[in-house]
Protein backbone atom coordinates (compact mmCIF):
# COMPACT_ATOMS: atom_id res chain seq x y z
CA MET A 1 -23.18 55.10 -2.80
CA ALA A 2 -20.33 53.70 -4.73
CA SER A 3 -16.89 55.15 -4.24
CA LYS A 4 -15.46 57.24 -7.02
CA THR A 5 -12.07 55.63 -6.69
CA ARG A 6 -11.35 52.16 -7.96
CA GLN A 7 -9.51 49.85 -5.52
CA ARG A 8 -6.21 48.53 -7.02
CA PRO A 9 -5.16 45.03 -5.84
CA PHE A 10 -1.48 45.79 -6.67
CA PRO A 11 0.64 48.95 -6.28
CA PRO A 12 0.99 50.67 -9.75
CA HIS A 13 4.89 50.47 -9.63
CA GLU A 14 4.66 46.68 -9.18
CA VAL A 15 2.24 46.42 -12.15
CA VAL A 16 4.81 48.32 -14.33
CA ALA A 17 7.70 46.07 -13.14
CA VAL A 18 5.85 42.93 -13.99
CA LEU A 19 4.66 44.34 -17.38
CA MET A 20 8.25 44.95 -18.33
CA GLU A 21 9.13 41.34 -17.43
CA ARG A 22 6.33 39.86 -19.48
CA VAL A 23 5.76 42.08 -22.43
CA PRO A 24 8.63 43.18 -24.97
CA GLY A 25 9.43 46.85 -25.17
CA ARG A 26 10.60 48.96 -28.11
CA PHE A 27 9.89 47.61 -31.60
CA SER A 28 13.09 49.22 -32.93
CA ASP A 29 15.22 47.08 -30.48
CA LYS A 30 13.66 43.92 -32.00
CA LEU A 31 14.70 45.13 -35.42
CA GLY A 32 18.28 45.64 -34.17
CA LEU A 33 18.26 49.49 -34.53
CA ALA A 34 20.18 51.52 -32.13
CA LEU A 35 18.23 54.83 -32.22
CA GLU A 36 20.39 56.30 -29.45
CA SER A 37 23.30 56.54 -31.97
CA HIS A 38 21.39 59.29 -33.82
CA ARG A 39 22.85 57.68 -36.94
CA PRO A 40 20.92 58.77 -40.09
CA LYS A 41 20.79 55.21 -41.32
CA ALA A 42 19.29 53.80 -38.15
CA LEU A 43 16.75 56.65 -37.94
CA PHE A 44 15.69 56.13 -41.54
CA LEU A 45 15.25 52.44 -41.14
CA TRP A 46 13.01 52.96 -38.10
CA PHE A 47 11.07 55.66 -40.10
CA LEU A 48 10.67 53.11 -42.99
CA ALA A 49 9.51 50.45 -40.41
CA SER A 50 7.06 52.97 -38.92
CA ILE A 51 5.51 53.69 -42.31
CA LEU A 52 5.03 49.86 -42.84
CA TYR A 53 3.60 49.36 -39.24
CA GLY A 54 1.38 52.43 -39.58
CA ALA A 55 -0.51 50.88 -42.55
CA ARG A 56 -3.73 48.87 -42.13
CA ILE A 57 -2.00 45.61 -42.38
CA SER A 58 -0.91 43.00 -39.81
CA GLY A 59 2.22 43.54 -37.77
CA ARG A 60 3.55 40.20 -38.98
CA ILE A 61 3.39 41.26 -42.72
CA ALA A 62 4.87 44.68 -41.77
CA ALA A 63 7.82 42.98 -40.13
CA ARG A 64 8.30 40.64 -42.96
CA THR A 65 8.19 43.40 -45.52
CA TYR A 66 10.77 45.48 -43.58
CA ALA A 67 13.02 42.36 -43.55
CA GLU A 68 12.63 42.08 -47.37
CA PHE A 69 13.78 45.76 -47.76
CA VAL A 70 16.81 45.04 -45.59
CA ARG A 71 17.57 41.84 -47.54
CA ARG A 72 17.47 43.76 -50.72
CA GLY A 73 19.70 46.49 -49.47
CA LEU A 74 17.15 49.30 -49.48
CA LEU A 75 18.70 50.82 -46.40
CA THR A 76 18.91 54.54 -47.22
CA PRO A 77 16.74 57.18 -48.98
CA GLN A 78 19.15 57.16 -52.01
CA GLN A 79 18.99 53.37 -52.35
CA ILE A 80 15.08 53.49 -52.35
CA LEU A 81 15.13 56.23 -54.98
CA LYS A 82 17.57 54.39 -57.06
CA THR A 83 15.61 51.13 -57.00
CA GLY A 84 12.56 53.04 -58.37
CA TRP A 85 8.85 52.29 -58.35
CA GLU A 86 8.96 48.80 -59.89
CA GLY A 87 11.72 47.70 -57.42
CA LEU A 88 9.71 48.93 -54.51
CA VAL A 89 6.54 47.05 -55.76
CA GLU A 90 8.68 43.81 -56.00
CA ALA A 91 9.95 44.23 -52.43
CA LEU A 92 6.48 45.02 -51.08
CA ASP A 93 4.95 42.02 -52.95
CA ALA A 94 7.64 39.72 -51.57
CA GLY A 95 6.90 40.87 -48.01
CA GLY A 96 3.22 40.27 -48.39
CA TYR A 97 2.03 43.85 -49.14
CA ALA A 98 0.48 42.80 -52.53
CA ARG A 99 -2.83 44.44 -51.68
CA TYR A 100 -1.26 47.82 -51.19
CA ASP A 101 1.89 47.56 -53.26
CA PHE A 102 1.19 50.13 -56.00
CA LYS A 103 -0.07 52.80 -53.59
CA THR A 104 2.62 52.25 -50.98
CA ALA A 105 5.43 52.27 -53.54
CA THR A 106 4.12 55.64 -54.83
CA LYS A 107 3.86 57.04 -51.35
CA LEU A 108 7.35 55.90 -50.31
CA LEU A 109 8.88 57.44 -53.36
CA GLU A 110 7.16 60.82 -52.59
CA VAL A 111 8.13 60.72 -48.86
CA VAL A 112 11.73 59.76 -49.62
CA ARG A 113 12.19 62.30 -52.39
CA THR A 114 10.92 65.09 -50.12
CA LEU A 115 13.21 64.00 -47.37
CA VAL A 116 16.23 64.14 -49.70
CA ASP A 117 15.20 67.43 -51.31
CA GLN A 118 14.43 69.28 -48.02
CA TYR A 119 16.63 67.58 -45.44
CA HIS A 120 19.46 65.92 -47.46
CA GLY A 121 17.98 62.54 -46.47
CA ASP A 122 18.78 63.06 -42.81
CA LEU A 123 15.89 62.93 -40.33
CA ASN A 124 18.25 64.62 -37.82
CA GLU A 125 18.13 67.73 -39.97
CA LEU A 126 14.26 67.64 -39.88
CA HIS A 127 14.36 67.45 -36.06
CA ARG A 128 16.82 70.36 -35.87
CA ALA A 129 14.57 72.47 -38.10
CA ALA A 130 11.51 71.82 -36.03
CA GLN A 131 10.51 74.61 -33.58
CA ASP A 132 8.80 72.26 -31.09
CA ALA A 133 7.05 68.92 -30.62
CA ARG A 134 4.01 69.95 -32.66
CA ASP A 135 6.14 71.40 -35.53
CA LEU A 136 8.16 68.18 -35.54
CA GLU A 137 5.07 66.15 -36.03
CA ASN A 138 3.76 68.45 -38.79
CA ARG A 139 7.11 68.36 -40.60
CA LEU A 140 7.02 64.59 -40.65
CA LYS A 141 3.47 64.53 -42.01
CA ALA A 142 4.40 67.08 -44.62
CA LEU A 143 6.94 64.69 -46.19
CA GLY A 144 4.10 62.99 -48.01
CA LYS A 145 0.77 61.20 -47.92
CA GLY A 146 2.44 58.06 -46.69
CA VAL A 147 3.12 59.67 -43.34
CA GLY A 148 -0.08 59.91 -41.27
CA GLU A 149 -0.97 60.24 -37.65
CA VAL A 150 -0.32 56.61 -36.80
CA THR A 151 3.08 56.63 -38.47
CA VAL A 152 4.11 59.65 -36.65
CA GLN A 153 3.05 58.25 -33.32
CA VAL A 154 4.78 54.94 -33.92
CA PHE A 155 8.06 56.71 -35.12
CA LEU A 156 8.25 59.34 -32.30
CA ARG A 157 7.18 57.04 -29.47
CA GLU A 158 10.60 55.33 -29.54
CA LEU A 159 12.53 58.63 -29.95
CA ARG A 160 11.43 60.01 -26.62
CA GLY A 161 14.53 60.89 -24.65
CA ILE A 162 16.58 60.72 -27.80
CA TRP A 163 15.18 63.66 -29.76
CA SER A 164 14.47 66.59 -27.43
CA LYS A 165 11.37 67.49 -29.40
CA ALA A 166 9.88 64.00 -29.60
CA ASP A 167 7.03 64.35 -27.12
CA SER A 168 3.82 63.17 -28.64
CA PRO A 169 0.59 62.42 -26.69
CA LEU A 170 0.10 58.86 -25.35
CA SER A 171 -1.42 56.78 -28.08
CA SER A 172 -4.93 55.32 -27.89
CA LEU A 173 -3.63 51.74 -27.52
CA ALA A 174 -1.28 52.64 -24.66
CA MET A 175 -4.04 54.60 -22.98
CA LEU A 176 -6.39 51.59 -23.31
CA ALA A 177 -3.86 49.24 -21.63
CA ALA A 178 -3.07 51.75 -18.92
CA LEU A 179 -6.74 52.18 -18.08
CA ASP A 180 -7.28 48.40 -17.94
CA LEU A 181 -4.29 47.94 -15.66
CA GLY A 182 -5.51 50.81 -13.40
CA LEU A 183 -2.40 52.88 -14.25
CA LEU A 184 -4.60 55.73 -15.43
CA ASP A 185 -8.10 56.71 -14.44
CA LYS A 186 -9.81 59.49 -16.36
CA GLU A 187 -12.21 60.09 -13.47
CA VAL A 188 -9.60 60.66 -10.68
CA GLY A 189 -6.59 61.69 -12.72
CA GLU A 190 -4.15 64.28 -11.45
CA ALA A 191 -5.52 67.61 -12.40
CA GLY A 192 -3.52 69.63 -14.90
CA ARG A 193 -1.09 66.81 -15.87
CA SER A 194 -1.10 65.08 -19.20
CA GLU A 195 -1.30 61.34 -19.50
CA VAL A 196 2.33 61.26 -20.71
CA GLU A 197 3.54 63.27 -17.78
CA ARG A 198 1.70 61.06 -15.25
CA MET A 199 3.03 57.93 -16.97
CA LYS A 200 6.62 59.33 -16.76
CA ALA A 201 6.19 59.97 -13.12
CA LEU A 202 4.93 56.45 -12.57
CA TRP A 203 7.84 55.06 -14.59
CA GLN A 204 10.34 57.01 -12.45
CA ARG A 205 8.75 55.55 -9.26
CA ALA A 206 8.88 51.99 -10.69
CA GLY A 207 12.75 52.24 -11.08
CA VAL A 208 12.92 49.44 -13.63
CA ARG A 209 16.65 49.05 -14.57
CA GLY A 210 17.96 48.47 -18.10
CA LYS A 211 14.76 49.87 -19.72
CA THR A 212 13.52 53.22 -20.86
CA PHE A 213 10.23 55.09 -20.77
CA SER A 214 9.86 54.19 -24.52
CA ASP A 215 10.07 50.52 -23.60
CA PHE A 216 7.25 51.05 -21.16
CA GLU A 217 5.07 52.92 -23.63
CA SER A 218 5.79 50.28 -26.34
CA ALA A 219 4.83 47.44 -23.88
CA LEU A 220 1.56 49.22 -23.22
CA VAL A 221 0.97 49.53 -26.91
CA ARG A 222 1.58 45.79 -27.45
CA LEU A 223 -0.75 44.91 -24.63
CA GLY A 224 -3.50 47.26 -25.89
CA ARG A 225 -3.07 46.11 -29.52
CA ASP A 226 -2.86 42.33 -28.94
CA TYR A 227 -5.16 41.79 -25.88
CA CYS A 228 -7.23 44.78 -24.61
CA ARG A 229 -8.53 45.87 -27.96
CA ARG A 230 -9.20 42.26 -29.16
CA HIS A 231 -11.01 41.40 -25.82
CA ARG A 232 -8.43 38.57 -25.24
CA TRP A 233 -8.34 39.04 -21.45
CA GLN A 234 -8.22 35.31 -20.61
CA SER A 235 -4.91 34.91 -22.49
CA CYS A 236 -3.39 38.32 -21.49
CA PRO A 237 0.02 38.05 -19.84
CA MET A 238 -1.21 40.71 -17.42
CA ARG A 239 -4.57 39.09 -16.72
CA GLU A 240 -4.26 38.97 -12.88
CA PHE A 241 -3.49 42.80 -12.79
CA CYS A 242 -6.49 43.81 -14.89
CA GLY A 243 -8.61 46.15 -12.64
CA GLY A 244 -10.02 48.06 -15.60
CA ARG A 245 -13.43 48.49 -17.01
CA ARG A 246 -13.62 44.92 -18.27
CA ALA A 247 -12.37 43.06 -15.24
CA SER A 248 -15.92 41.65 -14.68
CA ALA A 249 -15.51 39.80 -17.97
CA LEU A 250 -12.74 37.68 -16.55
CA PRO A 251 -13.70 34.41 -14.85
CA ALA A 252 -12.46 33.89 -11.29
CA LYS A 253 -9.09 32.25 -11.06
CA GLY A 254 -9.32 28.62 -9.87
């Protein structure tokens, strides 16, 4: 009879340490945004980036479109409202969003207008008004149709430890990567503890310096998005640590 537990060739904390060496962490850091400052401008720019990343479009196009917004000086809610629908369409087209430009411009204007009307354009005010983590997520979604589940996950993931109420569940991509690395196991998981809590405990044991839990979670998301989900195990930077459900798909190392 097969054992119910899966043998791990490497200690989990070692896997975490190597992951942080090989895979980039927070997306906001790459954009040069210091979210720890709590500055409304930095938070809004990350929110804008999250809306772009949350759409059904490649990360490359989303990043290029975000850079186009910055180049055009569309850095605050007020500047976006001032540029208007046509200006937003031009910026989206220049970034490669041509397929979704009209719809995205309309949604952005709705979201930004609601943010200005209800929270004076400051996402910190939205956070302060929220009763708890669930209410925070609902208030973000209530800003407009342009803010869906994926956008909220992307945005709040990198605000863990910065906003006290930013505590969303682990994303499906992070879960996928954690399962394939053997960091989570649905069958033998710790009873009564959420995946996020278990990952936080593992992160503390790993003791990686100069990084945050958000970096760890973002690295898992990158791994899940670029390799696990696409079945690109042979080119995966964590290939030798894969003890997950698809390890048998990997050829033996020569």
